[in-house]
């Protein structure tokens, strides 16, 4: 719509991405009831299926079909083979427009775009680059953001194994309590053990604000459970964290609960809270 669409149409025409639509292309724009009428008027019994009706219409002379086409059918255009090739080579940019919620910067995307034009691997590299500084400083919160974006992106396009892995990685960060470290210490290395213990108690009083597995993350894990491989857990637990109160064995129990639909979020938070309470924050 508007000026942008008109400029786009001119560009496509000038580059021969459009060609005059064939009669078959025009017929494909008609409703099934209109295709049936063409067949009936030519003494042919129609069916309820578009594909079958189109096959029958191919046996009718074009001169007997034209009167049933829209009056302006000569102004119809189709995408040329050159246009289809252009779309194939630039389809990832179409996906960018579809996924505005991922806030993908097109210029930055171009910097990471690979020769295969893979939207997913490019996004993965792009997200990693945006969070590189935080990764270098071991920020678990930004790792969690990255894993959240990637799990949703891959889940949207049914890359089930990757969607599951990144959702599990996000859950791992969530249950580790590592994100409480900067909050606990106020990023101040001079806090006394008493001050640290006091801050720990404050976090415990608001624990659900710091540790609370997201429902959409749980849904992605459950949805893609058939692609689970225990080696994923080994790989996830190799991600360096400053603190992880959730043991590998307990994490596996949680995953099993999600898979068999017995996962209890409140009970899990309660257990993680107890593990966090048992930490002795004394500086050596």
C-alpha atoms as a PDB file:
ATOM      1  CA  UNK A   1       0.000   0.000   0.000  1.00  0.00           C
ATOM      2  CA  UNK A   2       1.060   3.597  -0.585  1.00  0.00           C
ATOM      3  CA  UNK A   3       4.204   5.054  -2.136  1.00  0.00           C
ATOM      4  CA  UNK A   4       6.527   2.328  -0.900  1.00  0.00           C
ATOM      5  CA  UNK A   5       4.459  -0.379  -2.577  1.00  0.00           C
ATOM      6  CA  UNK A   6       4.319   1.612  -5.815  1.00  0.00           C
ATOM      7  CA  UNK A   7       8.097   2.076  -5.813  1.00  0.00           C
ATOM      8  CA  UNK A   8       8.486  -1.651  -5.185  1.00  0.00           C
ATOM      9  CA  UNK A   9       6.194  -2.479  -8.132  1.00  0.00           C
ATOM     10  CA  UNK A  10       8.178  -0.194 -10.445  1.00  0.00           C
ATOM     11  CA  UNK A  11      11.427  -1.810  -9.302  1.00  0.00           C
ATOM     12  CA  UNK A  12      10.086  -5.300  -9.946  1.00  0.00           C
ATOM     13  CA  UNK A  13       8.722  -4.384 -13.376  1.00  0.00           C
ATOM     14  CA  UNK A  14      11.964  -2.705 -14.406  1.00  0.00           C
ATOM     15  CA  UNK A  15      13.953  -5.790 -13.398  1.00  0.00           C
ATOM     16  CA  UNK A  16      11.610  -8.188 -15.207  1.00  0.00           C
ATOM     17  CA  UNK A  17      10.547  -9.897 -11.999  1.00  0.00           C
ATOM     18  CA  UNK A  18       6.925  -9.722 -13.214  1.00  0.00           C
ATOM     19  CA  UNK A  19       5.444 -11.209 -16.359  1.00  0.00           C
ATOM     20  CA  UNK A  20       1.915 -11.118 -17.767  1.00  0.00           C
ATOM     21  CA  UNK A  21      -0.173 -13.723 -16.001  1.00  0.00           C
ATOM     22  CA  UNK A  22      -1.171 -16.792 -17.988  1.00  0.00           C
ATOM     23  CA  UNK A  23      -4.818 -17.841 -18.119  1.00  0.00           C
ATOM     24  CA  UNK A  24      -3.976 -20.664 -15.716  1.00  0.00           C
ATOM     25  CA  UNK A  25      -2.510 -18.145 -13.258  1.00  0.00           C
ATOM     26  CA  UNK A  26      -5.654 -16.038 -13.478  1.00  0.00           C
ATOM     27  CA  UNK A  27      -7.815 -19.128 -12.933  1.00  0.00           C
ATOM     28  CA  UNK A  28      -5.848 -19.842  -9.773  1.00  0.00           C
ATOM     29  CA  UNK A  29      -7.102 -16.557  -8.342  1.00  0.00           C
ATOM     30  CA  UNK A  30     -10.757 -17.594  -8.785  1.00  0.00           C
ATOM     31  CA  UNK A  31     -12.894 -19.220  -6.121  1.00  0.00           C
ATOM     32  CA  UNK A  32     -13.881 -22.889  -6.423  1.00  0.00           C
ATOM     33  CA  UNK A  33     -17.493 -21.911  -7.142  1.00  0.00           C
ATOM     34  CA  UNK A  34     -16.313 -19.864 -10.165  1.00  0.00           C
ATOM     35  CA  UNK A  35     -14.272 -22.799 -11.474  1.00  0.00           C
ATOM     36  CA  UNK A  36     -17.317 -25.042 -11.105  1.00  0.00           C
ATOM     37  CA  UNK A  37     -19.420 -22.594 -13.123  1.00  0.00           C
ATOM     38  CA  UNK A  38     -16.895 -22.681 -15.995  1.00  0.00           C
ATOM     39  CA  UNK A  39     -17.038 -26.481 -16.058  1.00  0.00           C
ATOM     40  CA  UNK A  40     -20.828 -26.629 -15.847  1.00  0.00           C
ATOM     41  CA  UNK A  41     -21.250 -24.107 -18.661  1.00  0.00           C
ATOM     42  CA  UNK A  42     -19.016 -26.322 -20.791  1.00  0.00           C
ATOM     43  CA  UNK A  43     -20.920 -29.517 -19.969  1.00  0.00           C
ATOM     44  CA  UNK A  44     -18.334 -30.947 -17.573  1.00  0.00           C
ATOM     45  CA  UNK A  45     -19.229 -32.268 -14.110  1.00  0.00           C
ATOM     46  CA  UNK A  46     -17.212 -30.377 -11.445  1.00  0.00           C
ATOM     47  CA  UNK A  47     -15.904 -31.705  -8.129  1.00  0.00           C
ATOM     48  CA  UNK A  48     -15.341 -30.093  -4.749  1.00  0.00           C
ATOM     49  CA  UNK A  49     -11.568 -29.976  -5.147  1.00  0.00           C
ATOM     50  CA  UNK A  50      -9.780 -27.030  -6.741  1.00  0.00           C
ATOM     51  CA  UNK A  51      -6.927 -29.155  -8.118  1.00  0.00           C
ATOM     52  CA  UNK A  52      -9.281 -31.608  -9.855  1.00  0.00           C
ATOM     53  CA  UNK A  53     -11.390 -28.791 -11.338  1.00  0.00           C
ATOM     54  CA  UNK A  54      -8.250 -27.057 -12.626  1.00  0.00           C
ATOM     55  CA  UNK A  55      -7.143 -30.274 -14.344  1.00  0.00           C
ATOM     56  CA  UNK A  56     -10.536 -30.555 -16.072  1.00  0.00           C
ATOM     57  CA  UNK A  57     -10.471 -26.909 -17.176  1.00  0.00           C
ATOM     58  CA  UNK A  58      -7.141 -27.507 -18.959  1.00  0.00           C
ATOM     59  CA  UNK A  59      -9.056 -29.595 -21.511  1.00  0.00           C
ATOM     60  CA  UNK A  60     -11.320 -26.650 -22.428  1.00  0.00           C
ATOM     61  CA  UNK A  61     -10.346 -24.256 -25.211  1.00  0.00           C
ATOM     62  CA  UNK A  62      -9.061 -20.896 -23.861  1.00  0.00           C
ATOM     63  CA  UNK A  63     -11.586 -19.083 -26.081  1.00  0.00           C
ATOM     64  CA  UNK A  64     -14.406 -20.733 -24.077  1.00  0.00           C
ATOM     65  CA  UNK A  65     -12.894 -19.665 -20.780  1.00  0.00           C
ATOM     66  CA  UNK A  66     -12.057 -15.998 -21.357  1.00  0.00           C
ATOM     67  CA  UNK A  67     -15.648 -14.784 -20.861  1.00  0.00           C
ATOM     68  CA  UNK A  68     -15.607 -16.133 -17.303  1.00  0.00           C
ATOM     69  CA  UNK A  69     -12.400 -14.353 -16.302  1.00  0.00           C
ATOM     70  CA  UNK A  70     -12.343 -10.953 -14.536  1.00  0.00           C
ATOM     71  CA  UNK A  71     -12.718  -8.019 -16.947  1.00  0.00           C
ATOM     72  CA  UNK A  72      -9.240  -6.729 -16.095  1.00  0.00           C
ATOM     73  CA  UNK A  73      -7.488 -10.110 -16.290  1.00  0.00           C
ATOM     74  CA  UNK A  74      -5.079  -8.736 -18.903  1.00  0.00           C
ATOM     75  CA  UNK A  75      -3.659  -6.501 -16.185  1.00  0.00           C
ATOM     76  CA  UNK A  76      -2.804  -9.490 -13.989  1.00  0.00           C
ATOM     77  CA  UNK A  77       0.874 -10.269 -13.452  1.00  0.00           C
ATOM     78  CA  UNK A  78       2.748 -13.299 -12.174  1.00  0.00           C
ATOM     79  CA  UNK A  79       6.235 -13.607 -10.743  1.00  0.00           C
ATOM     80  CA  UNK A  80       8.726 -14.526 -13.450  1.00  0.00           C
ATOM     81  CA  UNK A  81      11.364 -17.274 -13.058  1.00  0.00           C
ATOM     82  CA  UNK A  82      13.855 -14.450 -12.457  1.00  0.00           C
ATOM     83  CA  UNK A  83      11.575 -13.084  -9.728  1.00  0.00           C
ATOM     84  CA  UNK A  84      11.229 -16.491  -8.092  1.00  0.00           C
ATOM     85  CA  UNK A  85      14.992 -16.845  -8.060  1.00  0.00           C
ATOM     86  CA  UNK A  86      15.289 -13.405  -6.463  1.00  0.00           C
ATOM     87  CA  UNK A  87      12.813 -14.396  -3.732  1.00  0.00           C
ATOM     88  CA  UNK A  88      14.658 -17.664  -3.142  1.00  0.00           C
ATOM     89  CA  UNK A  89      17.962 -15.821  -2.703  1.00  0.00           C
ATOM     90  CA  UNK A  90      16.454 -13.165  -0.428  1.00  0.00           C
ATOM     91  CA  UNK A  91      13.797 -15.071   1.465  1.00  0.00           C
ATOM     92  CA  UNK A  92      15.637 -14.536   4.730  1.00  0.00           C
ATOM     93  CA  UNK A  93      14.858 -10.818   4.473  1.00  0.00           C
ATOM     94  CA  UNK A  94      11.170 -11.691   4.175  1.00  0.00           C
ATOM     95  CA  UNK A  95      11.539 -13.679   7.397  1.00  0.00           C
ATOM     96  CA  UNK A  96      13.108 -10.647   9.073  1.00  0.00           C
ATOM     97  CA  UNK A  97       9.954  -8.661   8.353  1.00  0.00           C
ATOM     98  CA  UNK A  98       7.846 -11.507   9.724  1.00  0.00           C
ATOM     99  CA  UNK A  99       9.841 -11.638  12.941  1.00  0.00           C
ATOM    100  CA  UNK A 100       9.900  -8.030  13.989  1.00  0.00           C
ATOM    101  CA  UNK A 101       9.435  -9.199  17.585  1.00  0.00           C
ATOM    102  CA  UNK A 102      13.027 -10.451  17.524  1.00  0.00           C
ATOM    103  CA  UNK A 103      14.198  -6.896  16.767  1.00  0.00           C
ATOM    104  CA  UNK A 104      16.527  -7.900  13.952  1.00  0.00           C
ATOM    105  CA  UNK A 105      18.585  -5.034  12.576  1.00  0.00           C
ATOM    106  CA  UNK A 106      18.779  -5.494   8.777  1.00  0.00           C
ATOM    107  CA  UNK A 107      22.151  -3.770   8.405  1.00  0.00           C
ATOM    108  CA  UNK A 108      23.628  -5.861  11.186  1.00  0.00           C
ATOM    109  CA  UNK A 109      21.983  -8.947   9.696  1.00  0.00           C
ATOM    110  CA  UNK A 110      23.771  -8.296   6.388  1.00  0.00           C
ATOM    111  CA  UNK A 111      27.110  -8.283   8.200  1.00  0.00           C
ATOM    112  CA  UNK A 112      26.522 -11.848   9.380  1.00  0.00           C
ATOM    113  CA  UNK A 113      24.623 -13.185   6.371  1.00  0.00           C
ATOM    114  CA  UNK A 114      26.337 -16.329   5.075  1.00  0.00           C
ATOM    115  CA  UNK A 115      26.651 -17.709   1.551  1.00  0.00           C
ATOM    116  CA  UNK A 116      23.751 -20.119   2.126  1.00  0.00           C
ATOM    117  CA  UNK A 117      21.503 -17.244   3.249  1.00  0.00           C
ATOM    118  CA  UNK A 118      20.485 -19.308   6.257  1.00  0.00           C
ATOM    119  CA  UNK A 119      18.144 -17.146   8.319  1.00  0.00           C
ATOM    120  CA  UNK A 120      18.526 -19.256  11.438  1.00  0.00           C
ATOM    121  CA  UNK A 121      22.307 -19.611  11.585  1.00  0.00           C
ATOM    122  CA  UNK A 122      22.697 -15.928  10.702  1.00  0.00           C
ATOM    123  CA  UNK A 123      20.331 -14.911  13.518  1.00  0.00           C
ATOM    124  CA  UNK A 124      22.224 -17.150  15.902  1.00  0.00           C
ATOM    125  CA  UNK A 125      25.523 -15.431  15.047  1.00  0.00           C
ATOM    126  CA  UNK A 126      23.863 -12.025  15.155  1.00  0.00           C
ATOM    127  CA  UNK A 127      22.380 -12.610  18.612  1.00  0.00           C
ATOM    128  CA  UNK A 128      25.710 -13.929  19.854  1.00  0.00           C
ATOM    129  CA  UNK A 129      27.494 -10.835  18.587  1.00  0.00           C
ATOM    130  CA  UNK A 130      24.996  -8.507  20.261  1.00  0.00           C
ATOM    131  CA  UNK A 131      25.603 -10.216  23.580  1.00  0.00           C
ATOM    132  CA  UNK A 132      29.344 -10.829  23.191  1.00  0.00           C
ATOM    133  CA  UNK A 133      30.403  -8.270  25.782  1.00  0.00           C
ATOM    134  CA  UNK A 134      28.010  -9.760  28.298  1.00  0.00           C
ATOM    135  CA  UNK A 135      29.242 -13.262  27.494  1.00  0.00           C
ATOM    136  CA  UNK A 136      32.812 -12.147  28.066  1.00  0.00           C
ATOM    137  CA  UNK A 137      31.812 -10.864  31.479  1.00  0.00           C
ATOM    138  CA  UNK A 138      29.935 -14.087  32.286  1.00  0.00           C
ATOM    139  CA  UNK A 139      26.554 -12.413  32.533  1.00  0.00           C
ATOM    140  CA  UNK A 140      24.073 -15.232  33.030  1.00  0.00           C
ATOM    141  CA  UNK A 141      21.099 -12.927  32.564  1.00  0.00           C
ATOM    142  CA  UNK A 142      22.067 -12.039  29.003  1.00  0.00           C
ATOM    143  CA  UNK A 143      22.802 -15.683  28.234  1.00  0.00           C
ATOM    144  CA  UNK A 144      19.255 -16.394  29.374  1.00  0.00           C
ATOM    145  CA  UNK A 145      17.931 -13.705  26.996  1.00  0.00           C
ATOM    146  CA  UNK A 146      19.903 -15.229  24.128  1.00  0.00           C
ATOM    147  CA  UNK A 147      18.666 -18.758  24.848  1.00  0.00           C
ATOM    148  CA  UNK A 148      15.089 -17.468  25.118  1.00  0.00           C
ATOM    149  CA  UNK A 149      15.292 -15.790  21.694  1.00  0.00           C
ATOM    150  CA  UNK A 150      16.844 -18.810  20.010  1.00  0.00           C
ATOM    151  CA  UNK A 151      14.453 -21.347  21.540  1.00  0.00           C
ATOM    152  CA  UNK A 152      11.446 -19.356  20.339  1.00  0.00           C
ATOM    153  CA  UNK A 153      12.958 -18.728  16.914  1.00  0.00           C
ATOM    154  CA  UNK A 154      13.767 -22.387  16.289  1.00  0.00           C
ATOM    155  CA  UNK A 155      10.456 -23.554  17.758  1.00  0.00           C
ATOM    156  CA  UNK A 156       8.566 -21.257  15.412  1.00  0.00           C
ATOM    157  CA  UNK A 157      10.077 -23.068  12.424  1.00  0.00           C
ATOM    158  CA  UNK A 158      10.008 -26.581  13.898  1.00  0.00           C
ATOM    159  CA  UNK A 159      13.761 -26.933  14.313  1.00  0.00           C
ATOM    160  CA  UNK A 160      12.752 -29.108  17.224  1.00  0.00           C
ATOM    161  CA  UNK A 161      16.087 -30.361  18.509  1.00  0.00           C
ATOM    162  CA  UNK A 162      17.613 -26.880  18.631  1.00  0.00           C
ATOM    163  CA  UNK A 163      14.442 -25.395  20.112  1.00  0.00           C
ATOM    164  CA  UNK A 164      14.566 -28.010  22.883  1.00  0.00           C
ATOM    165  CA  UNK A 165      18.268 -27.486  23.568  1.00  0.00           C
ATOM    166  CA  UNK A 166      18.016 -23.709  23.932  1.00  0.00           C
ATOM    167  CA  UNK A 167      14.862 -23.955  26.056  1.00  0.00           C
ATOM    168  CA  UNK A 168      16.669 -26.376  28.366  1.00  0.00           C
ATOM    169  CA  UNK A 169      19.657 -24.013  28.477  1.00  0.00           C
ATOM    170  CA  UNK A 170      17.360 -21.134  29.420  1.00  0.00           C
ATOM    171  CA  UNK A 171      15.806 -23.234  32.200  1.00  0.00           C
ATOM    172  CA  UNK A 172      19.295 -24.142  33.424  1.00  0.00           C
ATOM    173  CA  UNK A 173      20.201 -20.462  33.780  1.00  0.00           C
ATOM    174  CA  UNK A 174      16.857 -19.727  35.444  1.00  0.00           C
ATOM    175  CA  UNK A 175      17.260 -22.424  38.108  1.00  0.00           C
ATOM    176  CA  UNK A 176      20.958 -21.860  38.750  1.00  0.00           C
ATOM    177  CA  UNK A 177      20.375 -18.668  40.787  1.00  0.00           C
ATOM    178  CA  UNK A 178      23.479 -17.262  39.080  1.00  0.00           C
ATOM    179  CA  UNK A 179      21.608 -14.074  38.172  1.00  0.00           C
ATOM    180  CA  UNK A 180      21.316 -13.309  41.900  1.00  0.00           C
ATOM    181  CA  UNK A 181      25.100 -12.905  42.210  1.00  0.00           C
ATOM    182  CA  UNK A 182      25.362  -9.277  40.993  1.00  0.00           C
ATOM    183  CA  UNK A 183      22.203  -8.471  42.941  1.00  0.00           C
ATOM    184  CA  UNK A 184      23.600 -10.158  46.024  1.00  0.00           C
ATOM    185  CA  UNK A 185      26.919  -8.342  46.016  1.00  0.00           C
ATOM    186  CA  UNK A 186      25.679  -5.038  44.553  1.00  0.00           C
ATOM    187  CA  UNK A 187      28.718  -5.552  42.299  1.00  0.00           C
ATOM    188  CA  UNK A 188      30.730  -4.425  45.359  1.00  0.00           C
ATOM    189  CA  UNK A 189      33.646  -6.644  46.320  1.00  0.00           C
ATOM    190  CA  UNK A 190      34.046  -4.932  49.711  1.00  0.00           C
ATOM    191  CA  UNK A 191      30.788  -6.142  51.234  1.00  0.00           C
ATOM    192  CA  UNK A 192      31.266  -7.984  54.514  1.00  0.00           C
ATOM    193  CA  UNK A 193      29.955 -11.541  55.033  1.00  0.00           C
ATOM    194  CA  UNK A 194      27.273 -10.065  57.293  1.00  0.00           C
ATOM    195  CA  UNK A 195      26.147  -7.703  54.524  1.00  0.00           C
ATOM    196  CA  UNK A 196      26.117 -10.547  52.013  1.00  0.00           C
ATOM    197  CA  UNK A 197      24.021 -12.692  54.355  1.00  0.00           C
ATOM    198  CA  UNK A 198      21.617  -9.819  54.879  1.00  0.00           C
ATOM    199  CA  UNK A 199      21.257  -9.358  51.127  1.00  0.00           C
ATOM    200  CA  UNK A 200      20.730 -13.090  50.724  1.00  0.00           C
ATOM    201  CA  UNK A 201      17.791 -12.906  53.135  1.00  0.00           C
ATOM    202  CA  UNK A 202      16.293 -10.036  51.156  1.00  0.00           C
ATOM    203  CA  UNK A 203      16.524 -12.056  47.944  1.00  0.00           C
ATOM    204  CA  UNK A 204      14.880 -15.022  49.667  1.00  0.00           C
ATOM    205  CA  UNK A 205      11.952 -12.813  50.644  1.00  0.00           C
ATOM    206  CA  UNK A 206      11.417 -11.923  46.958  1.00  0.00           C
ATOM    207  CA  UNK A 207      12.676 -15.173  45.505  1.00  0.00           C
ATOM    208  CA  UNK A 208      10.027 -15.549  42.782  1.00  0.00           C
ATOM    209  CA  UNK A 209      11.275 -12.311  41.244  1.00  0.00           C
ATOM    210  CA  UNK A 210      14.676 -13.918  40.724  1.00  0.00           C
ATOM    211  CA  UNK A 211      13.802 -17.549  39.989  1.00  0.00           C
ATOM    212  CA  UNK A 212      10.611 -18.372  38.120  1.00  0.00           C
ATOM    213  CA  UNK A 213      10.666 -20.719  35.073  1.00  0.00           C
ATOM    214  CA  UNK A 214       8.646 -19.201  32.245  1.00  0.00           C
ATOM    215  CA  UNK A 215       5.574 -21.086  31.038  1.00  0.00           C
ATOM    216  CA  UNK A 216       6.486 -20.636  27.363  1.00  0.00           C
ATOM    217  CA  UNK A 217       9.914 -22.179  28.040  1.00  0.00           C
ATOM    218  CA  UNK A 218       8.268 -25.172  29.739  1.00  0.00           C
ATOM    219  CA  UNK A 219       5.856 -25.476  26.785  1.00  0.00           C
ATOM    220  CA  UNK A 220       8.705 -25.597  24.254  1.00  0.00           C
ATOM    221  CA  UNK A 221      10.504 -28.273  26.296  1.00  0.00           C
ATOM    222  CA  UNK A 222       7.344 -30.387  26.526  1.00  0.00           C
ATOM    223  CA  UNK A 223       6.414 -29.883  22.888  1.00  0.00           C
ATOM    224  CA  UNK A 224       9.818 -31.055  21.620  1.00  0.00           C
ATOM    225  CA  UNK A 225      10.445 -33.757  24.235  1.00  0.00           C
ATOM    226  CA  UNK A 226      10.807 -36.546  21.653  1.00  0.00           C
ATOM    227  CA  UNK A 227      14.129 -35.006  20.572  1.00  0.00           C
ATOM    228  CA  UNK A 228      15.652 -35.158  24.041  1.00  0.00           C
ATOM    229  CA  UNK A 229      19.149 -36.565  24.405  1.00  0.00           C
ATOM    230  CA  UNK A 230      20.900 -36.720  27.788  1.00  0.00           C
ATOM    231  CA  UNK A 231      24.053 -35.442  26.129  1.00  0.00           C
ATOM    232  CA  UNK A 232      22.244 -32.101  25.905  1.00  0.00           C
ATOM    233  CA  UNK A 233      22.361 -31.856  29.701  1.00  0.00           C
ATOM    234  CA  UNK A 234      26.110 -32.517  29.769  1.00  0.00           C
ATOM    235  CA  UNK A 235      26.640 -29.769  27.210  1.00  0.00           C
ATOM    236  CA  UNK A 236      24.347 -27.347  29.044  1.00  0.00           C
ATOM    237  CA  UNK A 237      26.025 -27.945  32.398  1.00  0.00           C
ATOM    238  CA  UNK A 238      29.373 -27.124  30.789  1.00  0.00           C
ATOM    239  CA  UNK A 239      28.205 -23.510  30.371  1.00  0.00           C
ATOM    240  CA  UNK A 240      30.314 -21.577  32.910  1.00  0.00           C
ATOM    241  CA  UNK A 241      28.407 -19.918  35.742  1.00  0.00           C
ATOM    242  CA  UNK A 242      29.523 -18.177  38.905  1.00  0.00           C
ATOM    243  CA  UNK A 243      26.864 -20.031  40.857  1.00  0.00           C
ATOM    244  CA  UNK A 244      24.660 -23.043  40.232  1.00  0.00           C
ATOM    245  CA  UNK A 245      22.568 -24.366  43.114  1.00  0.00           C
ATOM    246  CA  UNK A 246      20.682 -26.828  40.870  1.00  0.00           C
ATOM    247  CA  UNK A 247      22.513 -30.139  40.570  1.00  0.00           C
ATOM    248  CA  UNK A 248      22.596 -32.076  37.324  1.00  0.00           C
ATOM    249  CA  UNK A 249      20.593 -34.919  38.855  1.00  0.00           C
ATOM    250  CA  UNK A 250      17.868 -32.609  40.148  1.00  0.00           C
ATOM    251  CA  UNK A 251      17.740 -30.863  36.778  1.00  0.00           C
ATOM    252  CA  UNK A 252      17.150 -34.235  35.109  1.00  0.00           C
ATOM    253  CA  UNK A 253      14.301 -34.892  37.560  1.00  0.00           C
ATOM    254  CA  UNK A 254      12.737 -31.573  36.592  1.00  0.00           C
ATOM    255  CA  UNK A 255      13.025 -32.407  32.884  1.00  0.00           C
ATOM    256  CA  UNK A 256      11.430 -35.815  33.497  1.00  0.00           C
ATOM    257  CA  UNK A 257       8.565 -34.084  35.307  1.00  0.00           C
ATOM    258  CA  UNK A 258       8.025 -31.725  32.361  1.00  0.00           C
ATOM    259  CA  UNK A 259       8.044 -34.633  29.908  1.00  0.00           C
ATOM    260  CA  UNK A 260       5.435 -36.662  31.831  1.00  0.00           C
ATOM    261  CA  UNK A 261       3.326 -33.589  32.612  1.00  0.00           C
ATOM    262  CA  UNK A 262       3.906 -33.783  36.375  1.00  0.00           C
ATOM    263  CA  UNK A 263       6.120 -30.692  36.651  1.00  0.00           C
ATOM    264  CA  UNK A 264       5.163 -28.486  39.583  1.00  0.00           C
ATOM    265  CA  UNK A 265       6.614 -25.007  39.228  1.00  0.00           C
ATOM    266  CA  UNK A 266       5.833 -23.906  42.784  1.00  0.00           C
ATOM    267  CA  UNK A 267       7.435 -27.028  44.263  1.00  0.00           C
ATOM    268  CA  UNK A 268      10.508 -26.579  42.059  1.00  0.00           C
ATOM    269  CA  UNK A 269      10.948 -22.939  43.096  1.00  0.00           C
ATOM    270  CA  UNK A 270      10.530 -23.982  46.735  1.00  0.00           C
ATOM    271  CA  UNK A 271      13.302 -26.580  46.401  1.00  0.00           C
ATOM    272  CA  UNK A 272      15.655 -24.204  44.563  1.00  0.00           C
ATOM    273  CA  UNK A 273      14.958 -21.590  47.226  1.00  0.00           C
ATOM    274  CA  UNK A 274      16.014 -24.029  49.928  1.00  0.00           C
ATOM    275  CA  UNK A 275      19.224 -24.787  48.023  1.00  0.00           C
ATOM    276  CA  UNK A 276      19.917 -21.066  47.762  1.00  0.00           C
ATOM    277  CA  UNK A 277      19.206 -20.632  51.486  1.00  0.00           C
ATOM    278  CA  UNK A 278      21.837 -23.261  52.317  1.00  0.00           C
ATOM    279  CA  UNK A 279      24.642 -21.373  50.576  1.00  0.00           C
ATOM    280  CA  UNK A 280      27.239 -20.010  52.937  1.00  0.00           C
ATOM    281  CA  UNK A 281      28.378 -16.685  51.457  1.00  0.00           C
ATOM    282  CA  UNK A 282      31.613 -16.249  53.370  1.00  0.00           C
ATOM    283  CA  UNK A 283      34.574 -14.693  51.597  1.00  0.00           C
ATOM    284  CA  UNK A 284      37.924 -16.351  51.898  1.00  0.00           C
END
